[in-house]
């Protein structure tokens, strides 16, 4: 868990995110700030970090692969949070609109992309 551990010590705003899967009769996926979410609120939920979304073949999820190929990471601190927000968005909405994307990434501090 090096990526999430490293990022937890260097995060600002919403840069380190976790995918939380509510384990109810109708499971839902949502992203939370790993630094601000009290661990007791995650009782009974499945938690996935950026290391848990990759492929067994390529070791990367398509979101991670596309960010890497497009040189979409600045310093790298915000990348895990961006990846998890995009991954969660695509889990909930396979065909998101531009507004959905803006909303999903709105809490991140990557100021050079705006």
PDB file of N, CA and C in Angstrom:
ATOM      1  N   UNK A   1       0.816  -1.192   0.000  1.00  0.00           N
ATOM      2  CA  UNK A   1       0.000   0.000   0.000  1.00  0.00           C
ATOM      3  C   UNK A   1       0.859   1.254   0.000  1.00  0.00           C
ATOM      4  N   UNK A   2       1.872   1.296  -0.763  1.00  0.00           N
ATOM      5  CA  UNK A   2       2.784   2.435  -0.718  1.00  0.00           C
ATOM      6  C   UNK A   2       2.146   3.715  -1.223  1.00  0.00           C
ATOM      7  N   UNK A   3       1.361   3.660  -2.276  1.00  0.00           N
ATOM      8  CA  UNK A   3       0.770   4.876  -2.832  1.00  0.00           C
ATOM      9  C   UNK A   3      -0.143   5.583  -1.860  1.00  0.00           C
ATOM     10  N   UNK A   4      -1.043   4.844  -1.249  1.00  0.00           N
ATOM     11  CA  UNK A   4      -1.976   5.465  -0.318  1.00  0.00           C
ATOM     12  C   UNK A   4      -1.256   5.892   0.951  1.00  0.00           C
ATOM     13  N   UNK A   5      -0.308   5.114   1.430  1.00  0.00           N
ATOM     14  CA  UNK A   5       0.425   5.472   2.649  1.00  0.00           C
ATOM     15  C   UNK A   5       1.223   6.747   2.422  1.00  0.00           C
ATOM     16  N   UNK A   6       1.923   6.808   1.317  1.00  0.00           N
ATOM     17  CA  UNK A   6       2.726   7.985   1.012  1.00  0.00           C
ATOM     18  C   UNK A   6       1.835   9.216   0.880  1.00  0.00           C
ATOM     19  N   UNK A   7       0.715   9.071   0.165  1.00  0.00           N
ATOM     20  CA  UNK A   7      -0.160  10.208  -0.076  1.00  0.00           C
ATOM     21  C   UNK A   7      -0.845  10.692   1.187  1.00  0.00           C
ATOM     22  N   UNK A   8      -1.120   9.796   2.114  1.00  0.00           N
ATOM     23  CA  UNK A   8      -1.790  10.206   3.346  1.00  0.00           C
ATOM     24  C   UNK A   8      -0.963  11.221   4.123  1.00  0.00           C
ATOM     25  N   UNK A   9       0.322  11.187   3.963  1.00  0.00           N
ATOM     26  CA  UNK A   9       1.183  12.105   4.694  1.00  0.00           C
ATOM     27  C   UNK A   9       1.423  13.416   3.951  1.00  0.00           C
ATOM     28  N   UNK A  10       0.954  13.516   2.725  1.00  0.00           N
ATOM     29  CA  UNK A  10       1.240  14.703   1.923  1.00  0.00           C
ATOM     30  C   UNK A  10      -0.008  15.257   1.239  1.00  0.00           C
ATOM     31  N   UNK A  11      -1.162  15.083   1.817  1.00  0.00           N
ATOM     32  CA  UNK A  11      -2.386  15.459   1.126  1.00  0.00           C
ATOM     33  C   UNK A  11      -2.896  16.843   1.524  1.00  0.00           C
ATOM     34  N   UNK A  12      -3.539  17.496   0.571  1.00  0.00           N
ATOM     35  CA  UNK A  12      -4.282  18.709   0.853  1.00  0.00           C
ATOM     36  C   UNK A  12      -5.623  18.591   0.148  1.00  0.00           C
ATOM     37  N   UNK A  13      -6.623  19.176   0.725  1.00  0.00           N
ATOM     38  CA  UNK A  13      -7.987  19.111   0.206  1.00  0.00           C
ATOM     39  C   UNK A  13      -8.429  17.665   0.025  1.00  0.00           C
ATOM     40  N   UNK A  14      -8.715  17.264  -1.222  1.00  0.00           N
ATOM     41  CA  UNK A  14      -9.337  15.968  -1.471  1.00  0.00           C
ATOM     42  C   UNK A  14      -8.398  15.077  -2.276  1.00  0.00           C
ATOM     43  N   UNK A  15      -7.108  15.209  -2.052  1.00  0.00           N
ATOM     44  CA  UNK A  15      -6.144  14.552  -2.918  1.00  0.00           C
ATOM     45  C   UNK A  15      -5.978  13.065  -2.681  1.00  0.00           C
ATOM     46  N   UNK A  16      -6.292  12.562  -1.514  1.00  0.00           N
ATOM     47  CA  UNK A  16      -6.166  11.137  -1.263  1.00  0.00           C
ATOM     48  C   UNK A  16      -7.547  10.590  -1.003  1.00  0.00           C
ATOM     49  N   UNK A  17      -8.016   9.762  -1.911  1.00  0.00           N
ATOM     50  CA  UNK A  17      -9.389   9.295  -1.834  1.00  0.00           C
ATOM     51  C   UNK A  17      -9.447   7.790  -1.718  1.00  0.00           C
ATOM     52  N   UNK A  18     -10.522   7.337  -1.117  1.00  0.00           N
ATOM     53  CA  UNK A  18     -10.811   5.917  -1.001  1.00  0.00           C
ATOM     54  C   UNK A  18     -12.156   5.661  -1.642  1.00  0.00           C
ATOM     55  N   UNK A  19     -12.293   4.524  -2.294  1.00  0.00           N
ATOM     56  CA  UNK A  19     -13.592   4.089  -2.778  1.00  0.00           C
ATOM     57  C   UNK A  19     -14.229   3.309  -1.649  1.00  0.00           C
ATOM     58  N   UNK A  20     -15.424   3.700  -1.263  1.00  0.00           N
ATOM     59  CA  UNK A  20     -16.154   3.001  -0.213  1.00  0.00           C
ATOM     60  C   UNK A  20     -17.375   2.370  -0.849  1.00  0.00           C
ATOM     61  N   UNK A  21     -17.548   1.092  -0.605  1.00  0.00           N
ATOM     62  CA  UNK A  21     -18.700   0.379  -1.138  1.00  0.00           C
ATOM     63  C   UNK A  21     -19.606   0.040   0.034  1.00  0.00           C
ATOM     64  N   UNK A  22     -20.758   0.654   0.053  1.00  0.00           N
ATOM     65  CA  UNK A  22     -21.734   0.385   1.098  1.00  0.00           C
ATOM     66  C   UNK A  22     -22.330  -0.989   0.835  1.00  0.00           C
ATOM     67  N   UNK A  23     -22.179  -1.886   1.783  1.00  0.00           N
ATOM     68  CA  UNK A  23     -22.623  -3.264   1.592  1.00  0.00           C
ATOM     69  C   UNK A  23     -24.050  -3.431   2.102  1.00  0.00           C
ATOM     70  N   UNK A  24     -24.990  -2.926   1.331  1.00  0.00           N
ATOM     71  CA  UNK A  24     -26.404  -3.071   1.646  1.00  0.00           C
ATOM     72  C   UNK A  24     -27.045  -3.904   0.553  1.00  0.00           C
ATOM     73  N   UNK A  25     -28.365  -3.993   0.558  1.00  0.00           N
ATOM     74  CA  UNK A  25     -29.028  -4.747  -0.510  1.00  0.00           C
ATOM     75  C   UNK A  25     -28.837  -4.069  -1.856  1.00  0.00           C
ATOM     76  N   UNK A  26     -28.600  -2.763  -1.838  1.00  0.00           N
ATOM     77  CA  UNK A  26     -28.315  -2.009  -3.062  1.00  0.00           C
ATOM     78  C   UNK A  26     -26.960  -1.327  -2.890  1.00  0.00           C
ATOM     79  N   UNK A  27     -25.866  -2.048  -3.172  1.00  0.00           N
ATOM     80  CA  UNK A  27     -24.532  -1.476  -2.936  1.00  0.00           C
ATOM     81  C   UNK A  27     -24.326  -0.165  -3.695  1.00  0.00           C
ATOM     82  N   UNK A  28     -23.681   0.783  -3.048  1.00  0.00           N
ATOM     83  CA  UNK A  28     -23.369   2.048  -3.700  1.00  0.00           C
ATOM     84  C   UNK A  28     -21.881   2.326  -3.552  1.00  0.00           C
ATOM     85  N   UNK A  29     -21.335   3.024  -4.531  1.00  0.00           N
ATOM     86  CA  UNK A  29     -19.917   3.367  -4.544  1.00  0.00           C
ATOM     87  C   UNK A  29     -19.788   4.874  -4.359  1.00  0.00           C
ATOM     88  N   UNK A  30     -18.918   5.284  -3.471  1.00  0.00           N
ATOM     89  CA  UNK A  30     -18.645   6.705  -3.312  1.00  0.00           C
ATOM     90  C   UNK A  30     -17.212   6.896  -2.847  1.00  0.00           C
ATOM     91  N   UNK A  31     -16.694   8.081  -3.127  1.00  0.00           N
ATOM     92  CA  UNK A  31     -15.312   8.404  -2.804  1.00  0.00           C
ATOM     93  C   UNK A  31     -15.288   9.326  -1.595  1.00  0.00           C
ATOM     94  N   UNK A  32     -14.355   9.069  -0.695  1.00  0.00           N
ATOM     95  CA  UNK A  32     -14.204   9.915   0.492  1.00  0.00           C
ATOM     96  C   UNK A  32     -12.747  10.344   0.626  1.00  0.00           C
ATOM     97  N   UNK A  33     -12.532  11.422   1.345  1.00  0.00           N
ATOM     98  CA  UNK A  33     -11.177  11.878   1.630  1.00  0.00           C
ATOM     99  C   UNK A  33     -10.594  10.985   2.712  1.00  0.00           C
ATOM    100  N   UNK A  34      -9.533  10.296   2.405  1.00  0.00           N
ATOM    101  CA  UNK A  34      -8.932   9.334   3.332  1.00  0.00           C
ATOM    102  C   UNK A  34      -8.409   9.993   4.599  1.00  0.00           C
ATOM    103  N   UNK A  35      -8.031  11.247   4.514  1.00  0.00           N
ATOM    104  CA  UNK A  35      -7.459  11.926   5.678  1.00  0.00           C
ATOM    105  C   UNK A  35      -8.516  12.463   6.626  1.00  0.00           C
ATOM    106  N   UNK A  36      -9.727  12.641   6.137  1.00  0.00           N
ATOM    107  CA  UNK A  36     -10.765  13.253   6.953  1.00  0.00           C
ATOM    108  C   UNK A  36     -11.863  12.289   7.378  1.00  0.00           C
ATOM    109  N   UNK A  37     -11.935  11.130   6.766  1.00  0.00           N
ATOM    110  CA  UNK A  37     -13.006  10.177   7.049  1.00  0.00           C
ATOM    111  C   UNK A  37     -12.704   9.391   8.322  1.00  0.00           C
ATOM    112  N   UNK A  38     -13.526   9.524   9.366  1.00  0.00           N
ATOM    113  CA  UNK A  38     -13.294   8.722  10.573  1.00  0.00           C
ATOM    114  C   UNK A  38     -13.444   7.232  10.258  1.00  0.00           C
ATOM    115  N   UNK A  39     -12.499   6.442  10.690  1.00  0.00           N
ATOM    116  CA  UNK A  39     -12.501   5.023  10.352  1.00  0.00           C
ATOM    117  C   UNK A  39     -13.740   4.305  10.878  1.00  0.00           C
ATOM    118  N   UNK A  40     -14.296   4.768  11.985  1.00  0.00           N
ATOM    119  CA  UNK A  40     -15.481   4.111  12.545  1.00  0.00           C
ATOM    120  C   UNK A  40     -16.694   4.245  11.630  1.00  0.00           C
ATOM    121  N   UNK A  41     -16.705   5.240  10.742  1.00  0.00           N
ATOM    122  CA  UNK A  41     -17.826   5.399   9.817  1.00  0.00           C
ATOM    123  C   UNK A  41     -17.769   4.398   8.675  1.00  0.00           C
ATOM    124  N   UNK A  42     -16.672   3.676   8.554  1.00  0.00           N
ATOM    125  CA  UNK A  42     -16.512   2.701   7.476  1.00  0.00           C
ATOM    126  C   UNK A  42     -16.857   1.286   7.915  1.00  0.00           C
ATOM    127  N   UNK A  43     -17.316   1.133   9.157  1.00  0.00           N
ATOM    128  CA  UNK A  43     -17.674  -0.194   9.662  1.00  0.00           C
ATOM    129  C   UNK A  43     -18.755  -0.805   8.769  1.00  0.00           C
ATOM    130  N   UNK A  44     -18.521  -2.024   8.324  1.00  0.00           N
ATOM    131  CA  UNK A  44     -19.484  -2.729   7.488  1.00  0.00           C
ATOM    132  C   UNK A  44     -19.408  -2.381   6.018  1.00  0.00           C
ATOM    133  N   UNK A  45     -18.425  -1.600   5.633  1.00  0.00           N
ATOM    134  CA  UNK A  45     -18.269  -1.219   4.228  1.00  0.00           C
ATOM    135  C   UNK A  45     -16.990  -1.830   3.674  1.00  0.00           C
ATOM    136  N   UNK A  46     -16.961  -2.009   2.383  1.00  0.00           N
ATOM    137  CA  UNK A  46     -15.735  -2.441   1.710  1.00  0.00           C
ATOM    138  C   UNK A  46     -14.970  -1.186   1.309  1.00  0.00           C
ATOM    139  N   UNK A  47     -13.681  -1.160   1.568  1.00  0.00           N
ATOM    140  CA  UNK A  47     -12.848  -0.004   1.249  1.00  0.00           C
ATOM    141  C   UNK A  47     -11.801  -0.435   0.233  1.00  0.00           C
ATOM    142  N   UNK A  48     -11.681   0.333  -0.840  1.00  0.00           N
ATOM    143  CA  UNK A  48     -10.719   0.033  -1.899  1.00  0.00           C
ATOM    144  C   UNK A  48      -9.795   1.230  -2.056  1.00  0.00           C
ATOM    145  N   UNK A  49      -8.501   0.982  -2.067  1.00  0.00           N
ATOM    146  CA  UNK A  49      -7.529   2.051  -2.295  1.00  0.00           C
ATOM    147  C   UNK A  49      -7.085   2.013  -3.753  1.00  0.00           C
ATOM    148  N   UNK A  50      -6.262   2.950  -4.135  1.00  0.00           N
ATOM    149  CA  UNK A  50      -5.789   3.042  -5.514  1.00  0.00           C
ATOM    150  C   UNK A  50      -5.037   1.773  -5.930  1.00  0.00           C
ATOM    151  N   UNK A  51      -4.423   1.092  -4.967  1.00  0.00           N
ATOM    152  CA  UNK A  51      -3.717  -0.149  -5.288  1.00  0.00           C
ATOM    153  C   UNK A  51      -4.669  -1.299  -5.590  1.00  0.00           C
ATOM    154  N   UNK A  52      -5.926  -1.173  -5.195  1.00  0.00           N
ATOM    155  CA  UNK A  52      -6.873  -2.266  -5.341  1.00  0.00           C
ATOM    156  C   UNK A  52      -7.694  -2.254  -6.603  1.00  0.00           C
ATOM    157  N   UNK A  53      -7.462  -1.322  -7.511  1.00  0.00           N
ATOM    158  CA  UNK A  53      -8.306  -1.249  -8.704  1.00  0.00           C
ATOM    159  C   UNK A  53      -7.617  -1.731  -9.973  1.00  0.00           C
ATOM    160  N   UNK A  54      -6.376  -2.098  -9.894  1.00  0.00           N
ATOM    161  CA  UNK A  54      -5.615  -2.495 -11.074  1.00  0.00           C
ATOM    162  C   UNK A  54      -6.037  -3.822 -11.665  1.00  0.00           C
ATOM    163  N   UNK A  55      -5.509  -4.114 -12.818  1.00  0.00           N
ATOM    164  CA  UNK A  55      -5.749  -5.356 -13.534  1.00  0.00           C
ATOM    165  C   UNK A  55      -4.680  -6.378 -13.161  1.00  0.00           C
ATOM    166  N   UNK A  56      -5.050  -7.645 -13.135  1.00  0.00           N
ATOM    167  CA  UNK A  56      -4.053  -8.674 -12.842  1.00  0.00           C
ATOM    168  C   UNK A  56      -3.072  -8.836 -13.998  1.00  0.00           C
ATOM    169  N   UNK A  57      -3.481  -8.472 -15.215  1.00  0.00           N
ATOM    170  CA  UNK A  57      -2.588  -8.579 -16.373  1.00  0.00           C
ATOM    171  C   UNK A  57      -1.623  -7.402 -16.463  1.00  0.00           C
ATOM    172  N   UNK A  58      -2.168  -6.199 -16.444  1.00  0.00           N
ATOM    173  CA  UNK A  58      -1.343  -5.010 -16.679  1.00  0.00           C
ATOM    174  C   UNK A  58      -0.918  -4.309 -15.402  1.00  0.00           C
ATOM    175  N   UNK A  59      -1.481  -4.697 -14.280  1.00  0.00           N
ATOM    176  CA  UNK A  59      -1.236  -4.081 -12.974  1.00  0.00           C
ATOM    177  C   UNK A  59      -1.876  -2.700 -12.849  1.00  0.00           C
ATOM    178  N   UNK A  60      -2.424  -2.156 -13.928  1.00  0.00           N
ATOM    179  CA  UNK A  60      -3.050  -0.843 -13.892  1.00  0.00           C
ATOM    180  C   UNK A  60      -4.506  -0.930 -14.327  1.00  0.00           C
ATOM    181  N   UNK A  61      -5.333  -0.073 -13.772  1.00  0.00           N
ATOM    182  CA  UNK A  61      -6.708   0.090 -14.239  1.00  0.00           C
ATOM    183  C   UNK A  61      -6.634   1.012 -15.460  1.00  0.00           C
ATOM    184  N   UNK A  62      -7.587   0.928 -16.392  1.00  0.00           N
ATOM    185  CA  UNK A  62      -7.544   1.826 -17.555  1.00  0.00           C
ATOM    186  C   UNK A  62      -7.444   3.313 -17.197  1.00  0.00           C
ATOM    187  N   UNK A  63      -8.073   3.737 -16.109  1.00  0.00           N
ATOM    188  CA  UNK A  63      -7.954   5.139 -15.679  1.00  0.00           C
ATOM    189  C   UNK A  63      -6.500   5.453 -15.343  1.00  0.00           C
ATOM    190  N   UNK A  64      -5.849   4.567 -14.594  1.00  0.00           N
ATOM    191  CA  UNK A  64      -4.443   4.770 -14.232  1.00  0.00           C
ATOM    192  C   UNK A  64      -3.559   4.769 -15.474  1.00  0.00           C
ATOM    193  N   UNK A  65      -3.832   3.848 -16.373  1.00  0.00           N
ATOM    194  CA  UNK A  65      -3.036   3.721 -17.596  1.00  0.00           C
ATOM    195  C   UNK A  65      -3.144   4.978 -18.452  1.00  0.00           C
ATOM    196  N   UNK A  66      -4.361   5.498 -18.604  1.00  0.00           N
ATOM    197  CA  UNK A  66      -4.557   6.687 -19.441  1.00  0.00           C
ATOM    198  C   UNK A  66      -3.901   7.925 -18.833  1.00  0.00           C
ATOM    199  N   UNK A  67      -3.979   8.051 -17.523  1.00  0.00           N
ATOM    200  CA  UNK A  67      -3.311   9.190 -16.873  1.00  0.00           C
ATOM    201  C   UNK A  67      -1.805   9.101 -17.099  1.00  0.00           C
ATOM    202  N   UNK A  68      -1.247   7.908 -16.951  1.00  0.00           N
ATOM    203  CA  UNK A  68       0.197   7.726 -17.141  1.00  0.00           C
ATOM    204  C   UNK A  68       0.606   8.005 -18.585  1.00  0.00           C
ATOM    205  N   UNK A  69      -0.142   7.464 -19.549  1.00  0.00           N
ATOM    206  CA  UNK A  69       0.214   7.647 -20.960  1.00  0.00           C
ATOM    207  C   UNK A  69       0.076   9.096 -21.415  1.00  0.00           C
ATOM    208  N   UNK A  70      -0.859   9.833 -20.808  1.00  0.00           N
ATOM    209  CA  UNK A  70      -1.081  11.228 -21.194  1.00  0.00           C
ATOM    210  C   UNK A  70      -0.271  12.198 -20.340  1.00  0.00           C
ATOM    211  N   UNK A  71       0.614  11.652 -19.493  1.00  0.00           N
ATOM    212  CA  UNK A  71       1.420  12.485 -18.591  1.00  0.00           C
ATOM    213  C   UNK A  71       0.516  13.399 -17.766  1.00  0.00           C
ATOM    214  N   UNK A  72      -0.570  12.814 -17.242  1.00  0.00           N
ATOM    215  CA  UNK A  72      -1.585  13.574 -16.521  1.00  0.00           C
ATOM    216  C   UNK A  72      -1.307  13.783 -15.058  1.00  0.00           C
ATOM    217  N   UNK A  73      -0.126  13.464 -14.610  1.00  0.00           N
ATOM    218  CA  UNK A  73       0.215  13.650 -13.205  1.00  0.00           C
ATOM    219  C   UNK A  73       1.214  14.787 -13.091  1.00  0.00           C
ATOM    220  N   UNK A  74       0.997  15.649 -12.127  1.00  0.00           N
ATOM    221  CA  UNK A  74       1.947  16.739 -11.906  1.00  0.00           C
ATOM    222  C   UNK A  74       3.047  16.239 -10.980  1.00  0.00           C
ATOM    223  N   UNK A  75       2.900  16.519  -9.709  1.00  0.00           N
ATOM    224  CA  UNK A  75       3.912  16.068  -8.750  1.00  0.00           C
ATOM    225  C   UNK A  75       3.607  14.656  -8.266  1.00  0.00           C
ATOM    226  N   UNK A  76       2.371  14.199  -8.452  1.00  0.00           N
ATOM    227  CA  UNK A  76       1.991  12.848  -8.070  1.00  0.00           C
ATOM    228  C   UNK A  76       1.209  12.741  -6.784  1.00  0.00           C
ATOM    229  N   UNK A  77       1.177  13.792  -5.977  1.00  0.00           N
ATOM    230  CA  UNK A  77       0.457  13.721  -4.707  1.00  0.00           C
ATOM    231  C   UNK A  77      -1.049  13.634  -4.913  1.00  0.00           C
ATOM    232  N   UNK A  78      -1.579  14.335  -5.908  1.00  0.00           N
ATOM    233  CA  UNK A  78      -3.026  14.341  -6.107  1.00  0.00           C
ATOM    234  C   UNK A  78      -3.493  13.192  -6.992  1.00  0.00           C
ATOM    235  N   UNK A  79      -2.589  12.495  -7.640  1.00  0.00           N
ATOM    236  CA  UNK A  79      -2.965  11.464  -8.602  1.00  0.00           C
ATOM    237  C   UNK A  79      -3.814  10.346  -8.006  1.00  0.00           C
ATOM    238  N   UNK A  80      -3.485   9.776  -6.843  1.00  0.00           N
ATOM    239  CA  UNK A  80      -4.355   8.719  -6.304  1.00  0.00           C
ATOM    240  C   UNK A  80      -5.787   9.189  -6.077  1.00  0.00           C
ATOM    241  N   UNK A  81      -5.958  10.400  -5.601  1.00  0.00           N
ATOM    242  CA  UNK A  81      -7.298  10.929  -5.392  1.00  0.00           C
ATOM    243  C   UNK A  81      -8.048  11.128  -6.691  1.00  0.00           C
ATOM    244  N   UNK A  82      -7.356  11.650  -7.715  1.00  0.00           N
ATOM    245  CA  UNK A  82      -7.986  11.818  -9.027  1.00  0.00           C
ATOM    246  C   UNK A  82      -8.392  10.470  -9.596  1.00  0.00           C
ATOM    247  N   UNK A  83      -7.500   9.497  -9.502  1.00  0.00           N
ATOM    248  CA  UNK A  83      -7.781   8.157 -10.027  1.00  0.00           C
ATOM    249  C   UNK A  83      -9.013   7.573  -9.349  1.00  0.00           C
ATOM    250  N   UNK A  84      -9.068   7.647  -8.027  1.00  0.00           N
ATOM    251  CA  UNK A  84     -10.193   7.054  -7.308  1.00  0.00           C
ATOM    252  C   UNK A  84     -11.497   7.793  -7.590  1.00  0.00           C
ATOM    253  N   UNK A  85     -11.440   9.101  -7.743  1.00  0.00           N
ATOM    254  CA  UNK A  85     -12.652   9.856  -8.080  1.00  0.00           C
ATOM    255  C   UNK A  85     -13.153   9.487  -9.467  1.00  0.00           C
ATOM    256  N   UNK A  86     -12.234   9.361 -10.431  1.00  0.00           N
ATOM    257  CA  UNK A  86     -12.638   8.969 -11.783  1.00  0.00           C
ATOM    258  C   UNK A  86     -13.151   7.532 -11.813  1.00  0.00           C
ATOM    259  N   UNK A  87     -12.466   6.651 -11.099  1.00  0.00           N
ATOM    260  CA  UNK A  87     -12.883   5.250 -11.032  1.00  0.00           C
ATOM    261  C   UNK A  87     -14.289   5.138 -10.449  1.00  0.00           C
ATOM    262  N   UNK A  88     -14.549   5.845  -9.350  1.00  0.00           N
ATOM    263  CA  UNK A  88     -15.867   5.807  -8.720  1.00  0.00           C
ATOM    264  C   UNK A  88     -16.926   6.380  -9.647  1.00  0.00           C
ATOM    265  N   UNK A  89     -16.607   7.482 -10.312  1.00  0.00           N
ATOM    266  CA  UNK A  89     -17.548   8.072 -11.263  1.00  0.00           C
ATOM    267  C   UNK A  89     -17.925   7.062 -12.337  1.00  0.00           C
ATOM    268  N   UNK A  90     -16.928   6.389 -12.901  1.00  0.00           N
ATOM    269  CA  UNK A  90     -17.201   5.419 -13.965  1.00  0.00           C
ATOM    270  C   UNK A  90     -17.946   4.189 -13.453  1.00  0.00           C
ATOM    271  N   UNK A  91     -17.747   3.816 -12.192  1.00  0.00           N
ATOM    272  CA  UNK A  91     -18.515   2.708 -11.602  1.00  0.00           C
ATOM    273  C   UNK A  91     -19.994   3.077 -11.510  1.00  0.00           C
ATOM    274  N   UNK A  92     -20.254   4.343 -11.156  1.00  0.00           N
ATOM    275  CA  UNK A  92     -21.631   4.796 -10.984  1.00  0.00           C
ATOM    276  C   UNK A  92     -22.282   5.257 -12.278  1.00  0.00           C
ATOM    277  N   UNK A  93     -21.489   5.812 -13.185  1.00  0.00           N
ATOM    278  CA  UNK A  93     -22.000   6.333 -14.459  1.00  0.00           C
ATOM    279  C   UNK A  93     -21.016   5.965 -15.559  1.00  0.00           C
ATOM    280  N   UNK A  94     -21.231   4.844 -16.234  1.00  0.00           N
ATOM    281  CA  UNK A  94     -20.285   4.414 -17.274  1.00  0.00           C
ATOM    282  C   UNK A  94     -20.111   5.420 -18.418  1.00  0.00           C
ATOM    283  N   UNK A  95     -21.100   6.297 -18.625  1.00  0.00           N
ATOM    284  CA  UNK A  95     -21.022   7.299 -19.694  1.00  0.00           C
ATOM    285  C   UNK A  95     -21.282   8.685 -19.094  1.00  0.00           C
ATOM    286  N   UNK A  96     -20.313   9.215 -18.334  1.00  0.00           N
ATOM    287  CA  UNK A  96     -20.541  10.495 -17.654  1.00  0.00           C
ATOM    288  C   UNK A  96     -20.541  11.676 -18.615  1.00  0.00           C
ATOM    289  N   UNK A  97     -21.260  12.719 -18.220  1.00  0.00           N
ATOM    290  CA  UNK A  97     -21.241  13.971 -18.967  1.00  0.00           C
ATOM    291  C   UNK A  97     -20.050  14.801 -18.487  1.00  0.00           C
ATOM    292  N   UNK A  98     -19.763  15.881 -19.188  1.00  0.00           N
ATOM    293  CA  UNK A  98     -18.683  16.773 -18.753  1.00  0.00           C
ATOM    294  C   UNK A  98     -18.999  17.365 -17.379  1.00  0.00           C
ATOM    295  N   UNK A  99     -20.262  17.646 -17.121  1.00  0.00           N
ATOM    296  CA  UNK A  99     -20.653  18.176 -15.809  1.00  0.00           C
ATOM    297  C   UNK A  99     -20.417  17.141 -14.714  1.00  0.00           C
ATOM    298  N   UNK A 100     -20.707  15.865 -15.001  1.00  0.00           N
ATOM    299  CA  UNK A 100     -20.432  14.791 -14.038  1.00  0.00           C
ATOM    300  C   UNK A 100     -18.938  14.738 -13.713  1.00  0.00           C
ATOM    301  N   UNK A 101     -18.115  14.878 -14.739  1.00  0.00           N
ATOM    302  CA  UNK A 101     -16.658  14.824 -14.561  1.00  0.00           C
ATOM    303  C   UNK A 101     -16.182  16.020 -13.738  1.00  0.00           C
ATOM    304  N   UNK A 102     -16.686  17.205 -14.073  1.00  0.00           N
ATOM    305  CA  UNK A 102     -16.314  18.407 -13.307  1.00  0.00           C
ATOM    306  C   UNK A 102     -16.693  18.255 -11.834  1.00  0.00           C
ATOM    307  N   UNK A 103     -17.885  17.725 -11.592  1.00  0.00           N
ATOM    308  CA  UNK A 103     -18.346  17.543 -10.212  1.00  0.00           C
ATOM    309  C   UNK A 103     -17.495  16.510  -9.475  1.00  0.00           C
ATOM    310  N   UNK A 104     -17.160  15.410 -10.150  1.00  0.00           N
ATOM    311  CA  UNK A 104     -16.370  14.347  -9.515  1.00  0.00           C
ATOM    312  C   UNK A 104     -14.964  14.819  -9.161  1.00  0.00           C
ATOM    313  N   UNK A 105     -14.393  15.678  -9.982  1.00  0.00           N
ATOM    314  CA  UNK A 105     -13.025  16.139  -9.756  1.00  0.00           C
ATOM    315  C   UNK A 105     -12.958  17.510  -9.087  1.00  0.00           C
ATOM    316  N   UNK A 106     -14.093  18.074  -8.757  1.00  0.00           N
ATOM    317  CA  UNK A 106     -14.160  19.432  -8.232  1.00  0.00           C
ATOM    318  C   UNK A 106     -13.426  19.668  -6.929  1.00  0.00           C
ATOM    319  N   UNK A 107     -13.268  18.664  -6.092  1.00  0.00           N
ATOM    320  CA  UNK A 107     -12.621  18.861  -4.804  1.00  0.00           C
ATOM    321  C   UNK A 107     -11.120  18.727  -4.820  1.00  0.00           C
ATOM    322  N   UNK A 108     -10.548  18.424  -5.961  1.00  0.00           N
ATOM    323  CA  UNK A 108      -9.103  18.214  -6.039  1.00  0.00           C
ATOM    324  C   UNK A 108      -8.377  19.534  -6.231  1.00  0.00           C
ATOM    325  N   UNK A 109      -7.136  19.565  -5.820  1.00  0.00           N
ATOM    326  CA  UNK A 109      -6.382  20.818  -5.826  1.00  0.00           C
ATOM    327  C   UNK A 109      -5.395  20.932  -6.978  1.00  0.00           C
ATOM    328  N   UNK A 110      -5.642  20.246  -8.080  1.00  0.00           N
ATOM    329  CA  UNK A 110      -4.703  20.335  -9.194  1.00  0.00           C
ATOM    330  C   UNK A 110      -5.013  21.595  -9.996  1.00  0.00           C
ATOM    331  N   UNK A 111      -4.516  22.693  -9.516  1.00  0.00           N
ATOM    332  CA  UNK A 111      -4.868  24.001 -10.055  1.00  0.00           C
ATOM    333  C   UNK A 111      -4.368  24.234 -11.477  1.00  0.00           C
ATOM    334  N   UNK A 112      -3.373  23.529 -11.914  1.00  0.00           N
ATOM    335  CA  UNK A 112      -2.807  23.776 -13.235  1.00  0.00           C
ATOM    336  C   UNK A 112      -3.644  23.187 -14.358  1.00  0.00           C
ATOM    337  N   UNK A 113      -4.663  22.381 -14.042  1.00  0.00           N
ATOM    338  CA  UNK A 113      -5.489  21.769 -15.073  1.00  0.00           C
ATOM    339  C   UNK A 113      -6.729  22.588 -15.387  1.00  0.00           C
ATOM    340  N   UNK A 114      -6.964  23.677 -14.700  1.00  0.00           N
ATOM    341  CA  UNK A 114      -8.213  24.424 -14.913  1.00  0.00           C
ATOM    342  C   UNK A 114      -7.997  25.604 -15.800  1.00  0.00           C
TER     343      UNK A 114
END
